[in-house]
Amino acid sequence: MTQHNPIPPSLAEACKTVRRSLADGIARRYEPSQSEPDTDGRWGDIDYKDQMRSRWLTREHLLRTRGLAVAAHYGSAEAHHAALVALDHWIEADYRNPNWWHNDIGTPMLVGETLILLNSPDRSDRAEKLLAPGADGAINSCGSLAAAWWKILST
């Protein structure tokens, strides 16, 4: 029995080309990082209990994770593994800030860029968890857009 791919090969190839182009563009905008988290996925110098509404210190976790993803994009297997460990910690801890901007815009943007850079083989499950609606069930437009693009580009 022949399996049929619901996505035509030409569209799948176009999605791969767009994803590569996006990843290259993202990688050019940021510095790669080799600052790896501890084995539990956290950095010892980040204040994970911070709830400042403007300059949220916990956001540094995702900034460093994106830096690792840039290094991974350029071929560092160690950075790729470290970024996945850091993302898994973020999923488990489910950090939130009282300022809606961080939850609805800032975090989905950082997570989206990081996922595109990583292009991990197990990305679908991780992406679903990272871009899922909040605990209150609300789906924000930025997170929904990031999730939709991720599904399209990961074909």
N, C-alpha and C. Protein backbone atom coordinates (compact mmCIF):
# COMPACT_ATOMS: atom_id res chain seq x y z
N MET A 1 0.85 -1.18 0.00
CA MET A 1 0.00 0.00 0.00
C MET A 1 0.89 1.24 0.00
N THR A 2 0.59 2.16 -0.85
CA THR A 2 1.36 3.39 -0.97
C THR A 2 0.83 4.44 -0.01
N GLN A 3 1.75 5.04 0.75
CA GLN A 3 1.35 6.13 1.63
C GLN A 3 1.33 7.42 0.83
N HIS A 4 0.35 8.24 1.11
CA HIS A 4 0.24 9.51 0.43
C HIS A 4 0.57 10.63 1.40
N ASN A 5 1.46 11.48 1.00
CA ASN A 5 1.80 12.65 1.80
C ASN A 5 0.77 13.72 1.49
N PRO A 6 0.05 14.21 2.49
CA PRO A 6 -0.98 15.22 2.22
C PRO A 6 -0.40 16.54 1.71
N ILE A 7 0.89 16.73 1.89
CA ILE A 7 1.51 17.97 1.42
C ILE A 7 2.31 17.66 0.16
N PRO A 8 1.99 18.35 -0.93
CA PRO A 8 2.74 18.09 -2.17
C PRO A 8 4.23 18.34 -1.96
N PRO A 9 5.08 17.54 -2.59
CA PRO A 9 6.53 17.70 -2.41
C PRO A 9 7.02 19.11 -2.69
N SER A 10 6.45 19.77 -3.68
CA SER A 10 6.89 21.13 -4.00
C SER A 10 6.58 22.09 -2.86
N LEU A 11 5.44 21.92 -2.19
CA LEU A 11 5.09 22.77 -1.06
C LEU A 11 5.98 22.45 0.13
N ALA A 12 6.23 21.17 0.38
CA ALA A 12 7.10 20.78 1.49
C ALA A 12 8.50 21.36 1.29
N GLU A 13 9.01 21.31 0.07
CA GLU A 13 10.33 21.87 -0.22
C GLU A 13 10.32 23.39 -0.05
N ALA A 14 9.24 24.02 -0.46
CA ALA A 14 9.13 25.48 -0.29
C ALA A 14 9.13 25.84 1.19
N CYS A 15 8.43 25.05 2.01
CA CYS A 15 8.41 25.31 3.46
C CYS A 15 9.81 25.16 4.05
N LYS A 16 10.55 24.15 3.61
CA LYS A 16 11.92 23.96 4.10
C LYS A 16 12.80 25.14 3.71
N THR A 17 12.61 25.64 2.50
CA THR A 17 13.39 26.79 2.04
C THR A 17 13.06 28.03 2.86
N VAL A 18 11.79 28.25 3.13
CA VAL A 18 11.38 29.40 3.94
C VAL A 18 11.93 29.26 5.35
N ARG A 19 11.86 28.05 5.94
CA ARG A 19 12.38 27.84 7.28
C ARG A 19 13.88 28.11 7.35
N ARG A 20 14.61 27.61 6.36
CA ARG A 20 16.06 27.85 6.32
C ARG A 20 16.36 29.34 6.20
N SER A 21 15.61 30.01 5.36
CA SER A 21 15.81 31.45 5.17
C SER A 21 15.50 32.21 6.46
N LEU A 22 14.40 31.85 7.12
CA LEU A 22 14.06 32.48 8.40
C LEU A 22 15.15 32.23 9.44
N ALA A 23 15.59 30.98 9.55
CA ALA A 23 16.62 30.63 10.53
C ALA A 23 17.91 31.40 10.25
N ASP A 24 18.30 31.50 8.98
CA ASP A 24 19.51 32.25 8.63
C ASP A 24 19.36 33.73 9.01
N GLY A 25 18.20 34.29 8.75
CA GLY A 25 17.95 35.69 9.09
C GLY A 25 17.98 35.94 10.59
N ILE A 26 17.37 35.04 11.34
CA ILE A 26 17.38 35.16 12.80
C ILE A 26 18.80 35.03 13.32
N ALA A 27 19.53 34.05 12.82
CA ALA A 27 20.90 33.80 13.30
C ALA A 27 21.81 35.00 13.05
N ARG A 28 21.60 35.70 11.95
CA ARG A 28 22.43 36.87 11.64
C ARG A 28 22.19 38.04 12.60
N ARG A 29 21.00 38.09 13.21
CA ARG A 29 20.65 39.22 14.08
C ARG A 29 21.17 39.09 15.50
N TYR A 30 21.56 37.89 15.91
CA TYR A 30 21.94 37.67 17.31
C TYR A 30 23.29 36.99 17.41
N GLU A 31 23.93 37.20 18.54
CA GLU A 31 25.22 36.58 18.81
C GLU A 31 25.02 35.15 19.31
N PRO A 32 25.84 34.22 18.83
CA PRO A 32 25.77 32.87 19.38
C PRO A 32 26.29 32.86 20.81
N SER A 33 25.82 31.93 21.59
CA SER A 33 26.23 31.84 22.99
C SER A 33 26.65 30.40 23.29
N GLN A 34 27.62 30.27 24.16
CA GLN A 34 28.02 28.96 24.66
C GLN A 34 27.77 28.87 26.16
N SER A 35 27.06 29.86 26.70
CA SER A 35 26.73 29.87 28.13
C SER A 35 25.67 28.81 28.39
N GLU A 36 26.10 27.67 28.91
CA GLU A 36 25.17 26.56 29.09
C GLU A 36 24.53 26.58 30.48
N PRO A 37 23.27 26.13 30.54
CA PRO A 37 22.60 26.04 31.84
C PRO A 37 23.14 24.86 32.63
N ASP A 38 22.76 24.81 33.92
CA ASP A 38 23.09 23.65 34.75
C ASP A 38 22.32 22.44 34.20
N THR A 39 22.57 21.28 34.77
CA THR A 39 21.93 20.06 34.29
C THR A 39 20.40 20.10 34.42
N ASP A 40 19.90 20.96 35.33
CA ASP A 40 18.44 21.06 35.49
C ASP A 40 17.83 22.07 34.52
N GLY A 41 18.66 22.69 33.66
CA GLY A 41 18.15 23.61 32.66
C GLY A 41 18.11 25.06 33.09
N ARG A 42 18.62 25.38 34.27
CA ARG A 42 18.61 26.76 34.77
C ARG A 42 20.02 27.31 34.82
N TRP A 43 20.08 28.64 34.77
CA TRP A 43 21.34 29.33 34.99
C TRP A 43 21.33 29.85 36.43
N GLY A 44 22.44 29.68 37.13
CA GLY A 44 22.53 30.04 38.54
C GLY A 44 22.41 31.52 38.83
N ASP A 45 22.71 32.37 37.86
CA ASP A 45 22.69 33.81 38.11
C ASP A 45 21.40 34.50 37.67
N ILE A 46 20.40 33.75 37.24
CA ILE A 46 19.12 34.34 36.83
C ILE A 46 18.13 34.27 37.99
N ASP A 47 17.42 35.37 38.22
CA ASP A 47 16.41 35.42 39.27
C ASP A 47 15.09 34.89 38.70
N TYR A 48 14.80 33.63 38.96
CA TYR A 48 13.61 32.99 38.42
C TYR A 48 12.33 33.36 39.17
N LYS A 49 12.47 34.06 40.28
CA LYS A 49 11.29 34.48 41.04
C LYS A 49 10.91 35.93 40.73
N ASP A 50 11.68 36.58 39.89
CA ASP A 50 11.44 37.98 39.56
C ASP A 50 10.06 38.16 38.92
N GLN A 51 9.36 39.20 39.33
CA GLN A 51 8.05 39.52 38.77
C GLN A 51 7.97 40.99 38.33
N MET A 52 9.13 41.62 38.08
CA MET A 52 9.12 42.99 37.58
C MET A 52 8.33 43.05 36.28
N ARG A 53 7.47 44.03 36.18
CA ARG A 53 6.59 44.12 35.03
C ARG A 53 7.30 44.69 33.80
N SER A 54 8.31 45.51 33.99
CA SER A 54 8.96 46.12 32.83
C SER A 54 10.16 45.29 32.37
N ARG A 55 11.22 45.28 33.15
CA ARG A 55 12.42 44.52 32.78
C ARG A 55 12.41 43.20 33.55
N TRP A 56 11.75 42.22 33.01
CA TRP A 56 11.58 40.92 33.65
C TRP A 56 12.88 40.15 33.56
N LEU A 57 13.54 39.96 34.69
CA LEU A 57 14.85 39.32 34.73
C LEU A 57 14.80 37.84 34.32
N THR A 58 13.69 37.17 34.55
CA THR A 58 13.56 35.76 34.20
C THR A 58 13.62 35.57 32.68
N ARG A 59 13.28 36.60 31.92
CA ARG A 59 13.32 36.56 30.46
C ARG A 59 14.72 36.26 29.95
N GLU A 60 15.73 36.56 30.76
CA GLU A 60 17.12 36.29 30.39
C GLU A 60 17.31 34.81 30.05
N HIS A 61 16.54 33.95 30.68
CA HIS A 61 16.61 32.51 30.39
C HIS A 61 16.36 32.25 28.90
N LEU A 62 15.30 32.86 28.36
CA LEU A 62 14.97 32.65 26.95
C LEU A 62 15.96 33.37 26.03
N LEU A 63 16.47 34.51 26.45
CA LEU A 63 17.48 35.19 25.64
C LEU A 63 18.74 34.33 25.50
N ARG A 64 19.17 33.74 26.60
CA ARG A 64 20.34 32.85 26.56
C ARG A 64 20.05 31.59 25.76
N THR A 65 18.84 31.08 25.89
CA THR A 65 18.46 29.89 25.15
C THR A 65 18.49 30.18 23.65
N ARG A 66 17.99 31.34 23.25
CA ARG A 66 18.06 31.73 21.84
C ARG A 66 19.51 31.84 21.38
N GLY A 67 20.39 32.38 22.24
CA GLY A 67 21.81 32.46 21.91
C GLY A 67 22.42 31.08 21.68
N LEU A 68 22.01 30.11 22.50
CA LEU A 68 22.46 28.73 22.30
C LEU A 68 21.91 28.19 20.98
N ALA A 69 20.68 28.54 20.66
CA ALA A 69 20.08 28.08 19.41
C ALA A 69 20.81 28.65 18.20
N VAL A 70 21.30 29.89 18.32
CA VAL A 70 22.11 30.48 17.23
C VAL A 70 23.38 29.65 17.06
N ALA A 71 24.05 29.34 18.17
CA ALA A 71 25.26 28.52 18.10
C ALA A 71 24.94 27.14 17.50
N ALA A 72 23.80 26.58 17.86
CA ALA A 72 23.38 25.30 17.31
C ALA A 72 23.13 25.41 15.80
N HIS A 73 22.55 26.51 15.38
CA HIS A 73 22.30 26.74 13.95
C HIS A 73 23.61 26.72 13.16
N TYR A 74 24.68 27.18 13.80
CA TYR A 74 25.99 27.19 13.14
C TYR A 74 26.75 25.89 13.35
N GLY A 75 26.09 24.87 13.94
CA GLY A 75 26.69 23.55 13.98
C GLY A 75 27.13 23.01 15.33
N SER A 76 26.90 23.73 16.42
CA SER A 76 27.33 23.25 17.73
C SER A 76 26.32 22.26 18.31
N ALA A 77 26.72 20.99 18.36
CA ALA A 77 25.85 19.95 18.93
C ALA A 77 25.66 20.17 20.43
N GLU A 78 26.71 20.64 21.11
CA GLU A 78 26.61 20.90 22.56
C GLU A 78 25.60 22.01 22.84
N ALA A 79 25.64 23.06 22.04
CA ALA A 79 24.69 24.17 22.22
C ALA A 79 23.27 23.71 21.92
N HIS A 80 23.11 22.86 20.92
CA HIS A 80 21.79 22.34 20.57
C HIS A 80 21.20 21.58 21.75
N HIS A 81 22.00 20.69 22.33
CA HIS A 81 21.54 19.91 23.50
C HIS A 81 21.22 20.85 24.67
N ALA A 82 22.09 21.80 24.95
CA ALA A 82 21.88 22.73 26.07
C ALA A 82 20.61 23.56 25.87
N ALA A 83 20.35 23.98 24.63
CA ALA A 83 19.14 24.76 24.36
C ALA A 83 17.89 23.92 24.61
N LEU A 84 17.93 22.65 24.23
CA LEU A 84 16.77 21.78 24.48
C LEU A 84 16.55 21.55 25.97
N VAL A 85 17.63 21.40 26.71
CA VAL A 85 17.52 21.25 28.17
C VAL A 85 16.90 22.52 28.78
N ALA A 86 17.35 23.69 28.30
CA ALA A 86 16.82 24.97 28.81
C ALA A 86 15.34 25.12 28.44
N LEU A 87 14.96 24.74 27.23
CA LEU A 87 13.55 24.82 26.82
C LEU A 87 12.70 23.87 27.65
N ASP A 88 13.21 22.67 27.90
CA ASP A 88 12.46 21.73 28.72
C ASP A 88 12.22 22.27 30.13
N HIS A 89 13.23 22.96 30.67
CA HIS A 89 13.04 23.58 31.99
C HIS A 89 11.95 24.64 31.92
N TRP A 90 11.97 25.46 30.87
CA TRP A 90 10.96 26.52 30.72
C TRP A 90 9.56 25.91 30.66
N ILE A 91 9.42 24.81 29.94
CA ILE A 91 8.12 24.13 29.84
C ILE A 91 7.67 23.66 31.22
N GLU A 92 8.58 23.00 31.92
CA GLU A 92 8.24 22.45 33.23
C GLU A 92 7.88 23.54 34.24
N ALA A 93 8.65 24.62 34.26
CA ALA A 93 8.44 25.68 35.25
C ALA A 93 7.26 26.58 34.89
N ASP A 94 6.96 26.72 33.60
CA ASP A 94 5.84 27.53 33.13
C ASP A 94 5.88 28.95 33.71
N TYR A 95 7.00 29.64 33.49
CA TYR A 95 7.18 30.99 34.04
C TYR A 95 6.18 31.96 33.42
N ARG A 96 5.63 32.81 34.28
CA ARG A 96 4.66 33.85 33.86
C ARG A 96 5.04 35.15 34.53
N ASN A 97 4.61 36.25 33.91
CA ASN A 97 4.85 37.58 34.45
C ASN A 97 3.53 38.30 34.57
N PRO A 98 3.38 39.20 35.56
CA PRO A 98 2.12 39.95 35.70
C PRO A 98 1.83 40.86 34.50
N ASN A 99 2.85 41.20 33.73
CA ASN A 99 2.67 42.04 32.56
C ASN A 99 2.31 41.16 31.37
N TRP A 100 1.14 41.37 30.80
CA TRP A 100 0.65 40.55 29.70
C TRP A 100 1.61 40.54 28.51
N TRP A 101 2.37 41.62 28.30
CA TRP A 101 3.25 41.69 27.13
C TRP A 101 4.26 40.54 27.13
N HIS A 102 4.85 40.27 28.28
CA HIS A 102 5.83 39.18 28.35
C HIS A 102 5.19 37.83 28.01
N ASN A 103 4.01 37.59 28.51
CA ASN A 103 3.33 36.30 28.31
C ASN A 103 2.77 36.14 26.90
N ASP A 104 2.24 37.22 26.34
CA ASP A 104 1.52 37.13 25.08
C ASP A 104 2.33 37.53 23.86
N ILE A 105 3.40 38.29 24.05
CA ILE A 105 4.19 38.76 22.91
C ILE A 105 5.66 38.38 23.04
N GLY A 106 6.30 38.84 24.11
CA GLY A 106 7.74 38.64 24.27
C GLY A 106 8.16 37.18 24.30
N THR A 107 7.52 36.39 25.14
CA THR A 107 7.88 34.98 25.25
C THR A 107 7.59 34.21 23.96
N PRO A 108 6.39 34.33 23.36
CA PRO A 108 6.16 33.61 22.09
C PRO A 108 7.14 34.00 20.99
N MET A 109 7.55 35.29 20.94
CA MET A 109 8.53 35.69 19.93
C MET A 109 9.86 34.99 20.15
N LEU A 110 10.35 35.00 21.39
CA LEU A 110 11.62 34.35 21.69
C LEU A 110 11.56 32.84 21.45
N VAL A 111 10.47 32.23 21.89
CA VAL A 111 10.31 30.79 21.72
C VAL A 111 10.22 30.44 20.23
N GLY A 112 9.47 31.21 19.46
CA GLY A 112 9.35 30.95 18.03
C GLY A 112 10.69 31.02 17.32
N GLU A 113 11.47 32.07 17.60
CA GLU A 113 12.79 32.20 16.99
C GLU A 113 13.69 31.04 17.39
N THR A 114 13.64 30.67 18.66
CA THR A 114 14.48 29.58 19.16
C THR A 114 14.13 28.26 18.48
N LEU A 115 12.84 27.96 18.36
CA LEU A 115 12.41 26.72 17.72
C LEU A 115 12.81 26.67 16.25
N ILE A 116 12.67 27.78 15.56
CA ILE A 116 13.05 27.83 14.15
C ILE A 116 14.55 27.58 14.01
N LEU A 117 15.35 28.19 14.89
CA LEU A 117 16.80 27.98 14.83
C LEU A 117 17.19 26.54 15.13
N LEU A 118 16.51 25.92 16.08
CA LEU A 118 16.88 24.56 16.49
C LEU A 118 16.49 23.50 15.47
N ASN A 119 15.30 23.66 14.89
CA ASN A 119 14.82 22.68 13.92
C ASN A 119 15.08 21.26 14.40
N SER A 120 14.72 21.00 15.65
CA SER A 120 14.98 19.71 16.28
C SER A 120 14.05 18.63 15.73
N PRO A 121 14.54 17.40 15.58
CA PRO A 121 13.69 16.31 15.09
C PRO A 121 12.48 16.06 15.98
N ASP A 122 12.60 16.34 17.28
CA ASP A 122 11.46 16.12 18.18
C ASP A 122 10.71 17.42 18.45
N ARG A 123 10.84 18.34 17.54
CA ARG A 123 10.34 19.69 17.75
C ARG A 123 8.82 19.78 17.90
N SER A 124 8.06 18.91 17.28
CA SER A 124 6.61 19.05 17.30
C SER A 124 6.03 19.01 18.71
N ASP A 125 6.42 18.01 19.50
CA ASP A 125 5.90 17.89 20.86
C ASP A 125 6.33 19.08 21.72
N ARG A 126 7.59 19.45 21.61
CA ARG A 126 8.12 20.57 22.39
C ARG A 126 7.43 21.88 21.96
N ALA A 127 7.27 22.07 20.66
CA ALA A 127 6.61 23.28 20.16
C ALA A 127 5.17 23.36 20.65
N GLU A 128 4.48 22.23 20.62
CA GLU A 128 3.09 22.21 21.10
C GLU A 128 3.01 22.65 22.56
N LYS A 129 3.91 22.15 23.39
CA LYS A 129 3.90 22.50 24.81
C LYS A 129 4.26 23.97 25.02
N LEU A 130 5.24 24.45 24.27
CA LEU A 130 5.69 25.83 24.46
C LEU A 130 4.69 26.85 23.95
N LEU A 131 3.97 26.51 22.91
CA LEU A 131 3.07 27.47 22.29
C LEU A 131 1.60 27.19 22.59
N ALA A 132 1.35 26.33 23.58
CA ALA A 132 -0.02 25.99 23.96
C ALA A 132 -0.69 27.18 24.66
N PRO A 133 -2.02 27.19 24.68
CA PRO A 133 -2.73 28.25 25.41
C PRO A 133 -2.33 28.27 26.88
N GLY A 134 -2.50 29.41 27.51
CA GLY A 134 -2.19 29.56 28.93
C GLY A 134 -3.11 28.71 29.79
N ALA A 135 -2.81 28.70 31.08
CA ALA A 135 -3.58 27.90 32.03
C ALA A 135 -5.05 28.31 32.05
N ASP A 136 -5.30 29.57 31.72
CA ASP A 136 -6.68 30.05 31.73
C ASP A 136 -7.42 29.69 30.44
N GLY A 137 -6.74 29.03 29.52
CA GLY A 137 -7.37 28.60 28.28
C GLY A 137 -7.35 29.65 27.18
N ALA A 138 -6.88 30.84 27.49
CA ALA A 138 -6.86 31.91 26.49
C ALA A 138 -5.75 31.66 25.49
N ILE A 139 -6.06 31.82 24.23
CA ILE A 139 -5.05 31.70 23.18
C ILE A 139 -4.76 33.10 22.68
N ASN A 140 -3.52 33.54 22.85
CA ASN A 140 -3.19 34.88 22.38
C ASN A 140 -2.84 34.84 20.91
N SER A 141 -3.02 35.95 20.22
CA SER A 141 -2.82 35.97 18.77
C SER A 141 -1.37 35.72 18.39
N CYS A 142 -0.44 36.22 19.16
CA CYS A 142 0.98 36.02 18.84
C CYS A 142 1.36 34.56 19.00
N GLY A 143 0.94 33.95 20.09
CA GLY A 143 1.24 32.54 20.30
C GLY A 143 0.57 31.67 19.25
N SER A 144 -0.66 32.01 18.87
CA SER A 144 -1.35 31.24 17.84
C SER A 144 -0.65 31.38 16.51
N LEU A 145 -0.21 32.58 16.18
CA LEU A 145 0.50 32.80 14.92
C LEU A 145 1.81 32.03 14.91
N ALA A 146 2.54 32.09 16.03
CA ALA A 146 3.81 31.36 16.11
C ALA A 146 3.57 29.87 15.96
N ALA A 147 2.53 29.34 16.60
CA ALA A 147 2.22 27.92 16.50
C ALA A 147 1.85 27.54 15.07
N ALA A 148 1.06 28.38 14.43
CA ALA A 148 0.66 28.09 13.04
C ALA A 148 1.86 28.09 12.11
N TRP A 149 2.73 29.08 12.23
CA TRP A 149 3.94 29.13 11.39
C TRP A 149 4.82 27.93 11.67
N TRP A 150 4.94 27.54 12.94
CA TRP A 150 5.77 26.40 13.27
C TRP A 150 5.26 25.14 12.60
N LYS A 151 3.95 24.94 12.63
CA LYS A 151 3.38 23.75 12.00
C LYS A 151 3.62 23.75 10.50
N ILE A 152 3.49 24.90 9.88
CA ILE A 152 3.72 25.01 8.43
C ILE A 152 5.18 24.74 8.10
N LEU A 153 6.08 25.37 8.85
CA LEU A 153 7.50 25.30 8.50
C LEU A 153 8.16 24.00 8.91
N SER A 154 7.53 23.22 9.76
CA SER A 154 8.16 21.98 10.21
C SER A 154 7.78 20.78 9.36
N THR A 155 7.10 21.02 8.24
CA THR A 155 6.72 19.90 7.38
C THR A 155 7.92 19.36 6.64
